[in-house]
Amino acid sequence: MQRCLKETGMPLSKIKEYTELYAVGNTTFLQREEMLMQHKLEVQKKIEESVKHLEEINYKIAMYELQKEEVKKNPNYNCKCHGLEIKNVN
């Protein structure tokens, strides 16, 4: 059981708590279910944050791609990122 919970990314402290509740028996069934539901919400939140980070990274890469040829032609080209001008200093 501990290995299965660890594979979900559950913190060790929560795994310990869950295991202790499990050892008590069915009287802790609802508590354990609630722990799993809370863990699911935390994992979903992390996924959403990671997706936002990935979108921002993809945007930045796209900005580089749009300006790549101009920078190759002219090393002094003023790059723009998020509408800000980035001046090349040589």
PDB file of N, CA and C in Angstrom:
ATOM      1  N   MET A   1       0.825  -1.191   0.000  1.00  0.00           N
ATOM      2  CA  MET A   1       0.000   0.000   0.000  1.00  0.00           C
ATOM      3  C   MET A   1       0.871   1.256   0.000  1.00  0.00           C
ATOM      4  N   GLN A   2       1.921   1.272   0.816  1.00  0.00           N
ATOM      5  CA  GLN A   2       2.758   2.467   0.895  1.00  0.00           C
ATOM      6  C   GLN A   2       3.399   2.787  -0.456  1.00  0.00           C
ATOM      7  N   ARG A   3       3.845   1.748  -1.145  1.00  0.00           N
ATOM      8  CA  ARG A   3       4.468   1.968  -2.449  1.00  0.00           C
ATOM      9  C   ARG A   3       3.455   2.553  -3.430  1.00  0.00           C
ATOM     10  N   CYS A   4       2.236   2.044  -3.398  1.00  0.00           N
ATOM     11  CA  CYS A   4       1.193   2.558  -4.304  1.00  0.00           C
ATOM     12  C   CYS A   4       0.922   4.034  -4.037  1.00  0.00           C
ATOM     13  N   LEU A   5       0.855   4.410  -2.758  1.00  0.00           N
ATOM     14  CA  LEU A   5       0.609   5.807  -2.417  1.00  0.00           C
ATOM     15  C   LEU A   5       1.802   6.682  -2.786  1.00  0.00           C
ATOM     16  N   LYS A   6       3.012   6.158  -2.600  1.00  0.00           N
ATOM     17  CA  LYS A   6       4.207   6.913  -2.968  1.00  0.00           C
ATOM     18  C   LYS A   6       4.219   7.195  -4.461  1.00  0.00           C
ATOM     19  N   GLU A   7       3.763   6.250  -5.254  1.00  0.00           N
ATOM     20  CA  GLU A   7       3.719   6.422  -6.701  1.00  0.00           C
ATOM     21  C   GLU A   7       2.714   7.482  -7.140  1.00  0.00           C
ATOM     22  N   THR A   8       1.826   7.886  -6.247  1.00  0.00           N
ATOM     23  CA  THR A   8       0.879   8.964  -6.569  1.00  0.00           C
ATOM     24  C   THR A   8       1.458  10.328  -6.242  1.00  0.00           C
ATOM     25  N   GLY A   9       2.658  10.331  -5.645  1.00  0.00           N
ATOM     26  CA  GLY A   9       3.275  11.598  -5.256  1.00  0.00           C
ATOM     27  C   GLY A   9       2.840  12.073  -3.888  1.00  0.00           C
ATOM     28  N   MET A  10       2.169  11.224  -3.137  1.00  0.00           N
ATOM     29  CA  MET A  10       1.726  11.616  -1.799  1.00  0.00           C
ATOM     30  C   MET A  10       2.948  11.779  -0.889  1.00  0.00           C
ATOM     31  N   PRO A  11       2.984  12.847  -0.100  1.00  0.00           N
ATOM     32  CA  PRO A  11       4.102  13.048   0.826  1.00  0.00           C
ATOM     33  C   PRO A  11       4.177  11.910   1.855  1.00  0.00           C
ATOM     34  N   LEU A  12       5.381  11.614   2.303  1.00  0.00           N
ATOM     35  CA  LEU A  12       5.580  10.515   3.248  1.00  0.00           C
ATOM     36  C   LEU A  12       4.792  10.701   4.532  1.00  0.00           C
ATOM     37  N   SER A  13       4.680  11.942   4.997  1.00  0.00           N
ATOM     38  CA  SER A  13       3.917  12.189   6.226  1.00  0.00           C
ATOM     39  C   SER A  13       2.450  11.797   6.045  1.00  0.00           C
ATOM     40  N   LYS A  14       1.899  12.066   4.878  1.00  0.00           N
ATOM     41  CA  LYS A  14       0.502  11.701   4.598  1.00  0.00           C
ATOM     42  C   LYS A  14       0.358  10.185   4.424  1.00  0.00           C
ATOM     43  N   ILE A  15       1.369   9.577   3.813  1.00  0.00           N
ATOM     44  CA  ILE A  15       1.334   8.114   3.657  1.00  0.00           C
ATOM     45  C   ILE A  15       1.319   7.458   5.033  1.00  0.00           C
ATOM     46  N   LYS A  16       2.133   7.973   5.935  1.00  0.00           N
ATOM     47  CA  LYS A  16       2.187   7.437   7.303  1.00  0.00           C
ATOM     48  C   LYS A  16       0.825   7.590   7.972  1.00  0.00           C
ATOM     49  N   GLU A  17       0.249   8.774   7.848  1.00  0.00           N
ATOM     50  CA  GLU A  17      -1.071   9.025   8.444  1.00  0.00           C
ATOM     51  C   GLU A  17      -2.117   8.078   7.852  1.00  0.00           C
ATOM     52  N   TYR A  18      -2.105   7.927   6.542  1.00  0.00           N
ATOM     53  CA  TYR A  18      -3.055   7.049   5.864  1.00  0.00           C
ATOM     54  C   TYR A  18      -2.881   5.604   6.344  1.00  0.00           C
ATOM     55  N   THR A  19      -1.632   5.151   6.439  1.00  0.00           N
ATOM     56  CA  THR A  19      -1.342   3.779   6.857  1.00  0.00           C
ATOM     57  C   THR A  19      -1.824   3.531   8.286  1.00  0.00           C
ATOM     58  N   GLU A  20      -1.616   4.517   9.152  1.00  0.00           N
ATOM     59  CA  GLU A  20      -2.089   4.393  10.534  1.00  0.00           C
ATOM     60  C   GLU A  20      -3.613   4.306  10.585  1.00  0.00           C
ATOM     61  N   LEU A  21      -4.287   5.121   9.784  1.00  0.00           N
ATOM     62  CA  LEU A  21      -5.753   5.072   9.731  1.00  0.00           C
ATOM     63  C   LEU A  21      -6.226   3.732   9.182  1.00  0.00           C
ATOM     64  N   TYR A  22      -5.530   3.239   8.172  1.00  0.00           N
ATOM     65  CA  TYR A  22      -5.886   1.952   7.567  1.00  0.00           C
ATOM     66  C   TYR A  22      -5.784   0.832   8.601  1.00  0.00           C
ATOM     67  N   ALA A  23      -4.759   0.909   9.444  1.00  0.00           N
ATOM     68  CA  ALA A  23      -4.551  -0.128  10.459  1.00  0.00           C
ATOM     69  C   ALA A  23      -5.676  -0.145  11.485  1.00  0.00           C
ATOM     70  N   VAL A  24      -6.305   1.004  11.694  1.00  0.00           N
ATOM     71  CA  VAL A  24      -7.416   1.085  12.653  1.00  0.00           C
ATOM     72  C   VAL A  24      -8.618   0.303  12.131  1.00  0.00           C
ATOM     73  N   GLY A  25      -8.828   0.342  10.831  1.00  0.00           N
ATOM     74  CA  GLY A  25      -9.930  -0.415  10.241  1.00  0.00           C
ATOM     75  C   GLY A  25     -10.976   0.464   9.579  1.00  0.00           C
ATOM     76  N   ASN A  26     -12.124  -0.149   9.353  1.00  0.00           N
ATOM     77  CA  ASN A  26     -13.187   0.510   8.582  1.00  0.00           C
ATOM     78  C   ASN A  26     -13.776   1.754   9.223  1.00  0.00           C
ATOM     79  N   THR A  27     -13.529   1.957  10.503  1.00  0.00           N
ATOM     80  CA  THR A  27     -14.062   3.175  11.138  1.00  0.00           C
ATOM     81  C   THR A  27     -13.376   4.428  10.585  1.00  0.00           C
ATOM     82  N   THR A  28     -12.243   4.249   9.910  1.00  0.00           N
ATOM     83  CA  THR A  28     -11.524   5.396   9.332  1.00  0.00           C
ATOM     84  C   THR A  28     -11.716   5.483   7.823  1.00  0.00           C
ATOM     85  N   PHE A  29     -12.634   4.690   7.315  1.00  0.00           N
ATOM     86  CA  PHE A  29     -12.861   4.631   5.863  1.00  0.00           C
ATOM     87  C   PHE A  29     -13.090   6.010   5.263  1.00  0.00           C
ATOM     88  N   LEU A  30     -13.983   6.803   5.865  1.00  0.00           N
ATOM     89  CA  LEU A  30     -14.303   8.130   5.317  1.00  0.00           C
ATOM     90  C   LEU A  30     -13.127   9.098   5.420  1.00  0.00           C
ATOM     91  N   GLN A  31     -12.346   8.986   6.477  1.00  0.00           N
ATOM     92  CA  GLN A  31     -11.154   9.838   6.616  1.00  0.00           C
ATOM     93  C   GLN A  31     -10.141   9.529   5.517  1.00  0.00           C
ATOM     94  N   ARG A  32      -9.955   8.251   5.257  1.00  0.00           N
ATOM     95  CA  ARG A  32      -9.010   7.853   4.216  1.00  0.00           C
ATOM     96  C   ARG A  32      -9.498   8.299   2.842  1.00  0.00           C
ATOM     97  N   GLU A  33     -10.799   8.167   2.613  1.00  0.00           N
ATOM     98  CA  GLU A  33     -11.352   8.628   1.340  1.00  0.00           C
ATOM     99  C   GLU A  33     -11.125  10.136   1.186  1.00  0.00           C
ATOM    100  N   GLU A  34     -11.347  10.887   2.245  1.00  0.00           N
ATOM    101  CA  GLU A  34     -11.148  12.333   2.217  1.00  0.00           C
ATOM    102  C   GLU A  34      -9.681  12.674   1.947  1.00  0.00           C
ATOM    103  N   MET A  35      -8.773  11.930   2.549  1.00  0.00           N
ATOM    104  CA  MET A  35      -7.343  12.157   2.300  1.00  0.00           C
ATOM    105  C   MET A  35      -7.028  11.977   0.823  1.00  0.00           C
ATOM    106  N   LEU A  36      -7.571  10.918   0.221  1.00  0.00           N
ATOM    107  CA  LEU A  36      -7.326  10.657  -1.193  1.00  0.00           C
ATOM    108  C   LEU A  36      -7.934  11.745  -2.069  1.00  0.00           C
ATOM    109  N   MET A  37      -9.119  12.211  -1.694  1.00  0.00           N
ATOM    110  CA  MET A  37      -9.760  13.275  -2.470  1.00  0.00           C
ATOM    111  C   MET A  37      -8.942  14.570  -2.382  1.00  0.00           C
ATOM    112  N   GLN A  38      -8.431  14.890  -1.201  1.00  0.00           N
ATOM    113  CA  GLN A  38      -7.603  16.088  -1.035  1.00  0.00           C
ATOM    114  C   GLN A  38      -6.300  15.965  -1.826  1.00  0.00           C
ATOM    115  N   HIS A  39      -5.712  14.785  -1.798  1.00  0.00           N
ATOM    116  CA  HIS A  39      -4.481  14.557  -2.549  1.00  0.00           C
ATOM    117  C   HIS A  39      -4.738  14.727  -4.050  1.00  0.00           C
ATOM    118  N   LYS A  40      -5.869  14.235  -4.505  1.00  0.00           N
ATOM    119  CA  LYS A  40      -6.233  14.381  -5.911  1.00  0.00           C
ATOM    120  C   LYS A  40      -6.322  15.855  -6.288  1.00  0.00           C
ATOM    121  N   LEU A  41      -6.965  16.663  -5.449  1.00  0.00           N
ATOM    122  CA  LEU A  41      -7.086  18.102  -5.716  1.00  0.00           C
ATOM    123  C   LEU A  41      -5.712  18.771  -5.779  1.00  0.00           C
ATOM    124  N   GLU A  42      -4.814  18.373  -4.884  1.00  0.00           N
ATOM    125  CA  GLU A  42      -3.467  18.940  -4.874  1.00  0.00           C
ATOM    126  C   GLU A  42      -2.712  18.567  -6.151  1.00  0.00           C
ATOM    127  N   VAL A  43      -2.844  17.318  -6.583  1.00  0.00           N
ATOM    128  CA  VAL A  43      -2.177  16.875  -7.811  1.00  0.00           C
ATOM    129  C   VAL A  43      -2.751  17.622  -9.009  1.00  0.00           C
ATOM    130  N   GLN A  44      -4.075  17.785  -9.058  1.00  0.00           N
ATOM    131  CA  GLN A  44      -4.701  18.523 -10.158  1.00  0.00           C
ATOM    132  C   GLN A  44      -4.209  19.965 -10.200  1.00  0.00           C
ATOM    133  N   LYS A  45      -4.053  20.586  -9.033  1.00  0.00           N
ATOM    134  CA  LYS A  45      -3.562  21.967  -8.972  1.00  0.00           C
ATOM    135  C   LYS A  45      -2.139  22.042  -9.516  1.00  0.00           C
ATOM    136  N   LYS A  46      -1.297  21.087  -9.141  1.00  0.00           N
ATOM    137  CA  LYS A  46       0.082  21.062  -9.644  1.00  0.00           C
ATOM    138  C   LYS A  46       0.108  20.883 -11.154  1.00  0.00           C
ATOM    139  N   ILE A  47      -0.779  20.050 -11.669  1.00  0.00           N
ATOM    140  CA  ILE A  47      -0.851  19.834 -13.122  1.00  0.00           C
ATOM    141  C   ILE A  47      -1.242  21.134 -13.812  1.00  0.00           C
ATOM    142  N   GLU A  48      -2.247  21.821 -13.284  1.00  0.00           N
ATOM    143  CA  GLU A  48      -2.683  23.092 -13.872  1.00  0.00           C
ATOM    144  C   GLU A  48      -1.552  24.115 -13.862  1.00  0.00           C
ATOM    145  N   GLU A  49      -0.793  24.173 -12.757  1.00  0.00           N
ATOM    146  CA  GLU A  49       0.341  25.099 -12.687  1.00  0.00           C
ATOM    147  C   GLU A  49       1.398  24.719 -13.718  1.00  0.00           C
ATOM    148  N   SER A  50       1.656  23.424 -13.856  1.00  0.00           N
ATOM    149  CA  SER A  50       2.653  22.963 -14.826  1.00  0.00           C
ATOM    150  C   SER A  50       2.216  23.284 -16.250  1.00  0.00           C
ATOM    151  N   VAL A  51       0.928  23.154 -16.532  1.00  0.00           N
ATOM    152  CA  VAL A  51       0.416  23.481 -17.867  1.00  0.00           C
ATOM    153  C   VAL A  51       0.603  24.971 -18.139  1.00  0.00           C
ATOM    154  N   LYS A  52       0.342  25.816 -17.142  1.00  0.00           N
ATOM    155  CA  LYS A  52       0.556  27.263 -17.311  1.00  0.00           C
ATOM    156  C   LYS A  52       2.027  27.549 -17.583  1.00  0.00           C
ATOM    157  N   HIS A  53       2.915  26.892 -16.846  1.00  0.00           N
ATOM    158  CA  HIS A  53       4.353  27.088 -17.067  1.00  0.00           C
ATOM    159  C   HIS A  53       4.739  26.651 -18.473  1.00  0.00           C
ATOM    160  N   LEU A  54       4.207  25.517 -18.901  1.00  0.00           N
ATOM    161  CA  LEU A  54       4.511  25.011 -20.231  1.00  0.00           C
ATOM    162  C   LEU A  54       4.017  25.975 -21.311  1.00  0.00           C
ATOM    163  N   GLU A  55       2.834  26.532 -21.126  1.00  0.00           N
ATOM    164  CA  GLU A  55       2.309  27.503 -22.087  1.00  0.00           C
ATOM    165  C   GLU A  55       3.215  28.728 -22.171  1.00  0.00           C
ATOM    166  N   GLU A  56       3.697  29.195 -21.042  1.00  0.00           N
ATOM    167  CA  GLU A  56       4.580  30.365 -21.024  1.00  0.00           C
ATOM    168  C   GLU A  56       5.906  30.041 -21.713  1.00  0.00           C
ATOM    169  N   ILE A  57       6.436  28.860 -21.460  1.00  0.00           N
ATOM    170  CA  ILE A  57       7.679  28.444 -22.120  1.00  0.00           C
ATOM    171  C   ILE A  57       7.466  28.353 -23.631  1.00  0.00           C
ATOM    172  N   ASN A  58       6.359  27.754 -24.046  1.00  0.00           N
ATOM    173  CA  ASN A  58       6.066  27.654 -25.480  1.00  0.00           C
ATOM    174  C   ASN A  58       5.935  29.026 -26.125  1.00  0.00           C
ATOM    175  N   TYR A  59       5.333  29.967 -25.405  1.00  0.00           N
ATOM    176  CA  TYR A  59       5.205  31.331 -25.917  1.00  0.00           C
ATOM    177  C   TYR A  59       6.586  31.952 -26.115  1.00  0.00           C
ATOM    178  N   LYS A  60       7.443  31.804 -25.125  1.00  0.00           N
ATOM    179  CA  LYS A  60       8.788  32.380 -25.218  1.00  0.00           C
ATOM    180  C   LYS A  60       9.570  31.755 -26.376  1.00  0.00           C
ATOM    181  N   ILE A  61       9.450  30.450 -26.541  1.00  0.00           N
ATOM    182  CA  ILE A  61      10.125  29.774 -27.655  1.00  0.00           C
ATOM    183  C   ILE A  61       9.585  30.289 -28.985  1.00  0.00           C
ATOM    184  N   ALA A  62       8.277  30.484 -29.073  1.00  0.00           N
ATOM    185  CA  ALA A  62       7.675  31.010 -30.299  1.00  0.00           C
ATOM    186  C   ALA A  62       8.205  32.405 -30.603  1.00  0.00           C
ATOM    187  N   MET A  63       8.383  33.224 -29.561  1.00  0.00           N
ATOM    188  CA  MET A  63       8.937  34.566 -29.763  1.00  0.00           C
ATOM    189  C   MET A  63      10.358  34.467 -30.311  1.00  0.00           C
ATOM    190  N   TYR A  64      11.137  33.545 -29.798  1.00  0.00           N
ATOM    191  CA  TYR A  64      12.494  33.343 -30.312  1.00  0.00           C
ATOM    192  C   TYR A  64      12.457  32.901 -31.765  1.00  0.00           C
ATOM    193  N   GLU A  65      11.572  31.961 -32.069  1.00  0.00           N
ATOM    194  CA  GLU A  65      11.471  31.456 -33.440  1.00  0.00           C
ATOM    195  C   GLU A  65      11.114  32.578 -34.423  1.00  0.00           C
ATOM    196  N   LEU A  66      10.205  33.442 -34.009  1.00  0.00           N
ATOM    197  CA  LEU A  66       9.804  34.556 -34.877  1.00  0.00           C
ATOM    198  C   LEU A  66      10.955  35.514 -35.153  1.00  0.00           C
ATOM    199  N   GLN A  67      11.875  35.631 -34.241  1.00  0.00           N
ATOM    200  CA  GLN A  67      12.952  36.605 -34.374  1.00  0.00           C
ATOM    201  C   GLN A  67      14.292  35.997 -34.780  1.00  0.00           C
ATOM    202  N   LYS A  68      14.347  34.688 -34.858  1.00  0.00           N
ATOM    203  CA  LYS A  68      15.612  33.998 -35.114  1.00  0.00           C
ATOM    204  C   LYS A  68      16.306  34.459 -36.392  1.00  0.00           C
ATOM    205  N   GLU A  69      15.584  34.499 -37.496  1.00  0.00           N
ATOM    206  CA  GLU A  69      16.196  34.878 -38.777  1.00  0.00           C
ATOM    207  C   GLU A  69      16.715  36.311 -38.747  1.00  0.00           C
ATOM    208  N   GLU A  70      15.948  37.199 -38.121  1.00  0.00           N
ATOM    209  CA  GLU A  70      16.367  38.601 -38.047  1.00  0.00           C
ATOM    210  C   GLU A  70      17.649  38.731 -37.222  1.00  0.00           C
ATOM    211  N   VAL A  71      17.753  37.987 -36.148  1.00  0.00           N
ATOM    212  CA  VAL A  71      18.947  38.031 -35.309  1.00  0.00           C
ATOM    213  C   VAL A  71      20.151  37.461 -36.065  1.00  0.00           C
ATOM    214  N   LYS A  72      19.927  36.404 -36.868  1.00  0.00           N
ATOM    215  CA  LYS A  72      21.013  35.825 -37.665  1.00  0.00           C
ATOM    216  C   LYS A  72      21.537  36.847 -38.676  1.00  0.00           C
ATOM    217  N   LYS A  73      20.606  37.582 -39.302  1.00  0.00           N
ATOM    218  CA  LYS A  73      20.987  38.579 -40.301  1.00  0.00           C
ATOM    219  C   LYS A  73      21.661  39.791 -39.669  1.00  0.00           C
ATOM    220  N   ASN A  74      21.152  40.183 -38.518  1.00  0.00           N
ATOM    221  CA  ASN A  74      21.609  41.410 -37.882  1.00  0.00           C
ATOM    222  C   ASN A  74      21.802  41.166 -36.384  1.00  0.00           C
ATOM    223  N   PRO A  75      23.024  40.888 -35.949  1.00  0.00           N
ATOM    224  CA  PRO A  75      23.282  40.623 -34.535  1.00  0.00           C
ATOM    225  C   PRO A  75      22.916  41.786 -33.610  1.00  0.00           C
ATOM    226  N   ASN A  76      22.803  42.990 -34.154  1.00  0.00           N
ATOM    227  CA  ASN A  76      22.427  44.142 -33.334  1.00  0.00           C
ATOM    228  C   ASN A  76      20.921  44.370 -33.294  1.00  0.00           C
ATOM    229  N   TYR A  77      20.158  43.434 -33.836  1.00  0.00           N
ATOM    230  CA  TYR A  77      18.700  43.522 -33.856  1.00  0.00           C
ATOM    231  C   TYR A  77      18.158  43.645 -32.433  1.00  0.00           C
ATOM    232  N   ASN A  78      17.199  44.536 -32.235  1.00  0.00           N
ATOM    233  CA  ASN A  78      16.569  44.703 -30.930  1.00  0.00           C
ATOM    234  C   ASN A  78      15.451  43.668 -30.779  1.00  0.00           C
ATOM    235  N   CYS A  79      15.728  42.639 -29.982  1.00  0.00           N
ATOM    236  CA  CYS A  79      14.746  41.569 -29.764  1.00  0.00           C
ATOM    237  C   CYS A  79      13.606  42.078 -28.892  1.00  0.00           C
ATOM    238  N   LYS A  80      12.442  41.491 -29.101  1.00  0.00           N
ATOM    239  CA  LYS A  80      11.281  41.867 -28.292  1.00  0.00           C
ATOM    240  C   LYS A  80      10.719  40.618 -27.624  1.00  0.00           C
ATOM    241  N   CYS A  81      10.431  40.764 -26.355  1.00  0.00           N
ATOM    242  CA  CYS A  81       9.836  39.676 -25.588  1.00  0.00           C
ATOM    243  C   CYS A  81       8.736  40.287 -24.739  1.00  0.00           C
ATOM    244  N   HIS A  82       7.525  39.837 -24.907  1.00  0.00           N
ATOM    245  CA  HIS A  82       6.375  40.382 -24.184  1.00  0.00           C
ATOM    246  C   HIS A  82       6.233  41.875 -24.414  1.00  0.00           C
ATOM    247  N   GLY A  83       6.578  42.324 -25.595  1.00  0.00           N
ATOM    248  CA  GLY A  83       6.430  43.722 -25.918  1.00  0.00           C
ATOM    249  C   GLY A  83       7.570  44.593 -25.419  1.00  0.00           C
ATOM    250  N   LEU A  84       8.534  44.002 -24.695  1.00  0.00           N
ATOM    251  CA  LEU A  84       9.677  44.771 -24.213  1.00  0.00           C
ATOM    252  C   LEU A  84      10.819  44.641 -25.201  1.00  0.00           C
ATOM    253  N   GLU A  85      11.497  45.721 -25.405  1.00  0.00           N
ATOM    254  CA  GLU A  85      12.642  45.686 -26.311  1.00  0.00           C
ATOM    255  C   GLU A  85      13.874  45.253 -25.530  1.00  0.00           C
ATOM    256  N   ILE A  86      14.604  44.309 -26.077  1.00  0.00           N
ATOM    257  CA  ILE A  86      15.847  43.846 -25.489  1.00  0.00           C
ATOM    258  C   ILE A  86      16.955  44.226 -26.443  1.00  0.00           C
ATOM    259  N   LYS A  87      17.779  45.160 -26.047  1.00  0.00           N
ATOM    260  CA  LYS A  87      18.837  45.653 -26.922  1.00  0.00           C
ATOM    261  C   LYS A  87      20.068  44.783 -26.780  1.00  0.00           C
ATOM    262  N   ASN A  88      20.588  44.358 -27.935  1.00  0.00           N
ATOM    263  CA  ASN A  88      21.832  43.599 -27.955  1.00  0.00           C
ATOM    264  C   ASN A  88      22.987  44.562 -27.754  1.00  0.00           C
ATOM    265  N   VAL A  89      23.871  44.217 -26.860  1.00  0.00           N
ATOM    266  CA  VAL A  89      25.044  45.060 -26.595  1.00  0.00           C
ATOM    267  C   VAL A  89      26.257  44.304 -27.086  1.00  0.00           C
ATOM    268  N   ASN A  90      26.979  44.900 -28.044  1.00  0.00           N
ATOM    269  CA  ASN A  90      28.199  44.274 -28.575  1.00  0.00           C
ATOM    270  C   ASN A  90      29.381  45.167 -28.328  1.00  0.00           C
TER     271      ASN A  90
END
